[in-house]
Amino acid sequence: MPAAAAGLFIIDFIFRPFAKIFEKWPLVMLLMVLLLYGIIGYIVVKSVYFSPDQQKPY
């Protein structure tokens, strides 16, 4: 859990300087945030539900 929080903090720290640019285009900023957190959510869900230890039926 601390690793996920550190990752989100790093992402926030990296993208903060660019936030001033996107204040002029709030819809673009919203789409970027949704895309970014959607990718993070997909990785988390994939790692939880599709672990390598899970047996695949063949």
PDB file of N, CA and C in Angstrom:
ATOM      1  N   MET A   1       0.804  -1.201   0.000  1.00  0.00           N
ATOM      2  CA  MET A   1       0.000   0.000   0.000  1.00  0.00           C
ATOM      3  C   MET A   1       0.852   1.272   0.000  1.00  0.00           C
ATOM      4  N   PRO A   2       1.945   1.344   0.753  1.00  0.00           N
ATOM      5  CA  PRO A   2       2.757   2.564   0.690  1.00  0.00           C
ATOM      6  C   PRO A   2       3.358   2.795  -0.701  1.00  0.00           C
ATOM      7  N   ALA A   3       3.634   1.729  -1.427  1.00  0.00           N
ATOM      8  CA  ALA A   3       4.207   1.899  -2.764  1.00  0.00           C
ATOM      9  C   ALA A   3       3.210   2.573  -3.704  1.00  0.00           C
ATOM     10  N   ALA A   4       1.935   2.212  -3.592  1.00  0.00           N
ATOM     11  CA  ALA A   4       0.914   2.841  -4.434  1.00  0.00           C
ATOM     12  C   ALA A   4       0.778   4.321  -4.085  1.00  0.00           C
ATOM     13  N   ALA A   5       0.803   4.635  -2.814  1.00  0.00           N
ATOM     14  CA  ALA A   5       0.705   6.036  -2.392  1.00  0.00           C
ATOM     15  C   ALA A   5       1.928   6.827  -2.862  1.00  0.00           C
ATOM     16  N   ALA A   6       3.090   6.213  -2.806  1.00  0.00           N
ATOM     17  CA  ALA A   6       4.298   6.890  -3.275  1.00  0.00           C
ATOM     18  C   ALA A   6       4.235   7.119  -4.786  1.00  0.00           C
ATOM     19  N   GLY A   7       3.701   6.147  -5.517  1.00  0.00           N
ATOM     20  CA  GLY A   7       3.552   6.298  -6.965  1.00  0.00           C
ATOM     21  C   GLY A   7       2.608   7.429  -7.323  1.00  0.00           C
ATOM     22  N   LEU A   8       1.487   7.508  -6.614  1.00  0.00           N
ATOM     23  CA  LEU A   8       0.542   8.594  -6.867  1.00  0.00           C
ATOM     24  C   LEU A   8       1.157   9.944  -6.509  1.00  0.00           C
ATOM     25  N   PHE A   9       1.943   9.991  -5.451  1.00  0.00           N
ATOM     26  CA  PHE A   9       2.607  11.236  -5.068  1.00  0.00           C
ATOM     27  C   PHE A   9       3.613  11.658  -6.129  1.00  0.00           C
ATOM     28  N   ILE A  10       4.366  10.712  -6.653  1.00  0.00           N
ATOM     29  CA  ILE A  10       5.357  11.026  -7.691  1.00  0.00           C
ATOM     30  C   ILE A  10       4.672  11.526  -8.958  1.00  0.00           C
ATOM     31  N   ILE A  11       3.577  10.867  -9.343  1.00  0.00           N
ATOM     32  CA  ILE A  11       2.836  11.308 -10.527  1.00  0.00           C
ATOM     33  C   ILE A  11       2.308  12.721 -10.317  1.00  0.00           C
ATOM     34  N   ASP A  12       1.764  12.972  -9.133  1.00  0.00           N
ATOM     35  CA  ASP A  12       1.250  14.307  -8.825  1.00  0.00           C
ATOM     36  C   ASP A  12       2.376  15.335  -8.845  1.00  0.00           C
ATOM     37  N   PHE A  13       3.519  14.981  -8.332  1.00  0.00           N
ATOM     38  CA  PHE A  13       4.661  15.898  -8.282  1.00  0.00           C
ATOM     39  C   PHE A  13       5.191  16.215  -9.681  1.00  0.00           C
ATOM     40  N   ILE A  14       5.164  15.220 -10.565  1.00  0.00           N
ATOM     41  CA  ILE A  14       5.669  15.420 -11.927  1.00  0.00           C
ATOM     42  C   ILE A  14       4.704  16.275 -12.743  1.00  0.00           C
ATOM     43  N   PHE A  15       3.403  16.044 -12.616  1.00  0.00           N
ATOM     44  CA  PHE A  15       2.432  16.729 -13.451  1.00  0.00           C
ATOM     45  C   PHE A  15       1.989  18.083 -12.904  1.00  0.00           C
ATOM     46  N   ARG A  16       2.377  18.418 -11.698  1.00  0.00           N
ATOM     47  CA  ARG A  16       1.947  19.694 -11.116  1.00  0.00           C
ATOM     48  C   ARG A  16       2.424  20.912 -11.905  1.00  0.00           C
ATOM     49  N   PRO A  17       3.679  20.963 -12.404  1.00  0.00           N
ATOM     50  CA  PRO A  17       4.081  22.145 -13.190  1.00  0.00           C
ATOM     51  C   PRO A  17       3.268  22.344 -14.471  1.00  0.00           C
ATOM     52  N   PHE A  18       2.767  21.260 -15.039  1.00  0.00           N
ATOM     53  CA  PHE A  18       1.979  21.364 -16.263  1.00  0.00           C
ATOM     54  C   PHE A  18       0.531  21.736 -15.997  1.00  0.00           C
ATOM     55  N   ALA A  19       0.110  21.741 -14.735  1.00  0.00           N
ATOM     56  CA  ALA A  19      -1.283  22.038 -14.395  1.00  0.00           C
ATOM     57  C   ALA A  19      -1.651  23.470 -14.762  1.00  0.00           C
ATOM     58  N   LYS A  20      -0.715  24.389 -14.670  1.00  0.00           N
ATOM     59  CA  LYS A  20      -1.004  25.782 -15.021  1.00  0.00           C
ATOM     60  C   LYS A  20      -1.359  25.918 -16.506  1.00  0.00           C
ATOM     61  N   ILE A  21      -0.727  25.122 -17.331  1.00  0.00           N
ATOM     62  CA  ILE A  21      -1.011  25.167 -18.765  1.00  0.00           C
ATOM     63  C   ILE A  21      -2.434  24.687 -19.026  1.00  0.00           C
ATOM     64  N   PHE A  22      -2.826  23.616 -18.345  1.00  0.00           N
ATOM     65  CA  PHE A  22      -4.120  23.010 -18.621  1.00  0.00           C
ATOM     66  C   PHE A  22      -5.277  23.669 -17.883  1.00  0.00           C
ATOM     67  N   GLU A  23      -5.007  24.687 -17.057  1.00  0.00           N
ATOM     68  CA  GLU A  23      -6.099  25.419 -16.428  1.00  0.00           C
ATOM     69  C   GLU A  23      -6.942  26.152 -17.461  1.00  0.00           C
ATOM     70  N   LYS A  24      -6.360  26.445 -18.601  1.00  0.00           N
ATOM     71  CA  LYS A  24      -7.097  27.120 -19.668  1.00  0.00           C
ATOM     72  C   LYS A  24      -8.034  26.164 -20.390  1.00  0.00           C
ATOM     73  N   TRP A  25      -7.732  24.852 -20.321  1.00  0.00           N
ATOM     74  CA  TRP A  25      -8.552  23.826 -20.964  1.00  0.00           C
ATOM     75  C   TRP A  25      -8.979  22.795 -19.921  1.00  0.00           C
ATOM     76  N   PRO A  26     -10.014  23.094 -19.147  1.00  0.00           N
ATOM     77  CA  PRO A  26     -10.393  22.181 -18.055  1.00  0.00           C
ATOM     78  C   PRO A  26     -10.884  20.812 -18.538  1.00  0.00           C
ATOM     79  N   LEU A  27     -11.514  20.764 -19.702  1.00  0.00           N
ATOM     80  CA  LEU A  27     -11.990  19.476 -20.202  1.00  0.00           C
ATOM     81  C   LEU A  27     -10.824  18.557 -20.567  1.00  0.00           C
ATOM     82  N   VAL A  28      -9.780  19.123 -21.165  1.00  0.00           N
ATOM     83  CA  VAL A  28      -8.594  18.338 -21.509  1.00  0.00           C
ATOM     84  C   VAL A  28      -7.928  17.832 -20.232  1.00  0.00           C
ATOM     85  N   MET A  29      -7.855  18.675 -19.219  1.00  0.00           N
ATOM     86  CA  MET A  29      -7.257  18.268 -17.942  1.00  0.00           C
ATOM     87  C   MET A  29      -8.064  17.148 -17.299  1.00  0.00           C
ATOM     88  N   LEU A  30      -9.380  17.245 -17.344  1.00  0.00           N
ATOM     89  CA  LEU A  30     -10.232  16.196 -16.785  1.00  0.00           C
ATOM     90  C   LEU A  30     -10.020  14.879 -17.519  1.00  0.00           C
ATOM     91  N   LEU A  31      -9.937  14.935 -18.830  1.00  0.00           N
ATOM     92  CA  LEU A  31      -9.713  13.711 -19.603  1.00  0.00           C
ATOM     93  C   LEU A  31      -8.342  13.101 -19.314  1.00  0.00           C
ATOM     94  N   MET A  32      -7.341  13.942 -19.129  1.00  0.00           N
ATOM     95  CA  MET A  32      -6.011  13.423 -18.800  1.00  0.00           C
ATOM     96  C   MET A  32      -5.996  12.763 -17.427  1.00  0.00           C
ATOM     97  N   VAL A  33      -6.671  13.368 -16.469  1.00  0.00           N
ATOM     98  CA  VAL A  33      -6.729  12.783 -15.123  1.00  0.00           C
ATOM     99  C   VAL A  33      -7.484  11.468 -15.161  1.00  0.00           C
ATOM    100  N   LEU A  34      -8.603  11.419 -15.878  1.00  0.00           N
ATOM    101  CA  LEU A  34      -9.353  10.168 -15.982  1.00  0.00           C
ATOM    102  C   LEU A  34      -8.535   9.085 -16.676  1.00  0.00           C
ATOM    103  N   LEU A  35      -7.806   9.460 -17.699  1.00  0.00           N
ATOM    104  CA  LEU A  35      -6.958   8.491 -18.401  1.00  0.00           C
ATOM    105  C   LEU A  35      -5.846   7.980 -17.496  1.00  0.00           C
ATOM    106  N   LEU A  36      -5.205   8.891 -16.785  1.00  0.00           N
ATOM    107  CA  LEU A  36      -4.095   8.516 -15.911  1.00  0.00           C
ATOM    108  C   LEU A  36      -4.555   7.581 -14.791  1.00  0.00           C
ATOM    109  N   TYR A  37      -5.625   7.969 -14.103  1.00  0.00           N
ATOM    110  CA  TYR A  37      -6.097   7.129 -13.010  1.00  0.00           C
ATOM    111  C   TYR A  37      -6.798   5.873 -13.514  1.00  0.00           C
ATOM    112  N   GLY A  38      -7.311   5.913 -14.731  1.00  0.00           N
ATOM    113  CA  GLY A  38      -7.866   4.699 -15.323  1.00  0.00           C
ATOM    114  C   GLY A  38      -6.783   3.668 -15.586  1.00  0.00           C
ATOM    115  N   ILE A  39      -5.636   4.118 -16.065  1.00  0.00           N
ATOM    116  CA  ILE A  39      -4.510   3.209 -16.285  1.00  0.00           C
ATOM    117  C   ILE A  39      -4.031   2.629 -14.961  1.00  0.00           C
ATOM    118  N   ILE A  40      -3.920   3.477 -13.947  1.00  0.00           N
ATOM    119  CA  ILE A  40      -3.498   2.995 -12.629  1.00  0.00           C
ATOM    120  C   ILE A  40      -4.502   1.994 -12.079  1.00  0.00           C
ATOM    121  N   GLY A  41      -5.787   2.299 -12.220  1.00  0.00           N
ATOM    122  CA  GLY A  41      -6.828   1.379 -11.747  1.00  0.00           C
ATOM    123  C   GLY A  41      -6.799   0.055 -12.479  1.00  0.00           C
ATOM    124  N   TYR A  42      -6.565   0.094 -13.789  1.00  0.00           N
ATOM    125  CA  TYR A  42      -6.484  -1.138 -14.562  1.00  0.00           C
ATOM    126  C   TYR A  42      -5.321  -2.006 -14.100  1.00  0.00           C
ATOM    127  N   ILE A  43      -4.185  -1.390 -13.853  1.00  0.00           N
ATOM    128  CA  ILE A  43      -3.024  -2.143 -13.391  1.00  0.00           C
ATOM    129  C   ILE A  43      -3.298  -2.771 -12.028  1.00  0.00           C
ATOM    130  N   VAL A  44      -3.942  -2.023 -11.148  1.00  0.00           N
ATOM    131  CA  VAL A  44      -4.250  -2.555  -9.814  1.00  0.00           C
ATOM    132  C   VAL A  44      -5.239  -3.711  -9.907  1.00  0.00           C
ATOM    133  N   VAL A  45      -6.314  -3.543 -10.673  1.00  0.00           N
ATOM    134  CA  VAL A  45      -7.311  -4.605 -10.798  1.00  0.00           C
ATOM    135  C   VAL A  45      -6.710  -5.826 -11.469  1.00  0.00           C
ATOM    136  N   LYS A  46      -5.885  -5.606 -12.483  1.00  0.00           N
ATOM    137  CA  LYS A  46      -5.245  -6.738 -13.167  1.00  0.00           C
ATOM    138  C   LYS A  46      -4.326  -7.494 -12.221  1.00  0.00           C
ATOM    139  N   SER A  47      -3.589  -6.778 -11.385  1.00  0.00           N
ATOM    140  CA  SER A  47      -2.671  -7.454 -10.475  1.00  0.00           C
ATOM    141  C   SER A  47      -3.412  -8.184  -9.360  1.00  0.00           C
ATOM    142  N   VAL A  48      -4.597  -7.704  -8.988  1.00  0.00           N
ATOM    143  CA  VAL A  48      -5.343  -8.358  -7.912  1.00  0.00           C
ATOM    144  C   VAL A  48      -6.090  -9.582  -8.420  1.00  0.00           C
ATOM    145  N   TYR A  49      -6.817  -9.440  -9.519  1.00  0.00           N
ATOM    146  CA  TYR A  49      -7.687 -10.516  -9.977  1.00  0.00           C
ATOM    147  C   TYR A  49      -7.023 -11.487 -10.938  1.00  0.00           C
ATOM    148  N   PHE A  50      -5.960 -11.096 -11.581  1.00  0.00           N
ATOM    149  CA  PHE A  50      -5.297 -11.966 -12.532  1.00  0.00           C
ATOM    150  C   PHE A  50      -3.848 -12.178 -12.128  1.00  0.00           C
ATOM    151  N   SER A  51      -3.664 -12.710 -10.937  1.00  0.00           N
ATOM    152  CA  SER A  51      -2.312 -12.948 -10.442  1.00  0.00           C
ATOM    153  C   SER A  51      -1.687 -14.120 -11.188  1.00  0.00           C
ATOM    154  N   PRO A  52      -0.378 -14.190 -11.229  1.00  0.00           N
ATOM    155  CA  PRO A  52       0.271 -15.299 -11.939  1.00  0.00           C
ATOM    156  C   PRO A  52       0.062 -16.649 -11.250  1.00  0.00           C
ATOM    157  N   ASP A  53      -0.330 -16.643  -9.978  1.00  0.00           N
ATOM    158  CA  ASP A  53      -0.568 -17.889  -9.264  1.00  0.00           C
ATOM    159  C   ASP A  53      -1.910 -18.510  -9.622  1.00  0.00           C
ATOM    160  N   GLN A  54      -2.756 -17.739 -10.262  1.00  0.00           N
ATOM    161  CA  GLN A  54      -4.099 -18.216 -10.594  1.00  0.00           C
ATOM    162  C   GLN A  54      -4.007 -19.295 -11.673  1.00  0.00           C
ATOM    163  N   GLN A  55      -4.723 -20.404 -11.449  1.00  0.00           N
ATOM    164  CA  GLN A  55      -4.729 -21.495 -12.411  1.00  0.00           C
ATOM    165  C   GLN A  55      -5.640 -21.137 -13.573  1.00  0.00           C
ATOM    166  N   LYS A  56      -5.156 -21.359 -14.788  1.00  0.00           N
ATOM    167  CA  LYS A  56      -5.974 -21.086 -15.981  1.00  0.00           C
ATOM    168  C   LYS A  56      -6.548 -22.395 -16.488  1.00  0.00           C
ATOM    169  N   PRO A  57      -7.863 -22.428 -16.711  1.00  0.00           N
ATOM    170  CA  PRO A  57      -8.443 -23.680 -17.237  1.00  0.00           C
ATOM    171  C   PRO A  57      -8.148 -23.848 -18.718  1.00  0.00           C
ATOM    172  N   TYR A  58      -7.537 -24.954 -19.089  1.00  0.00           N
ATOM    173  CA  TYR A  58      -7.238 -25.236 -20.498  1.00  0.00           C
ATOM    174  C   TYR A  58      -8.040 -26.408 -20.970  1.00  0.00           C
TER     175      TYR A  58
END
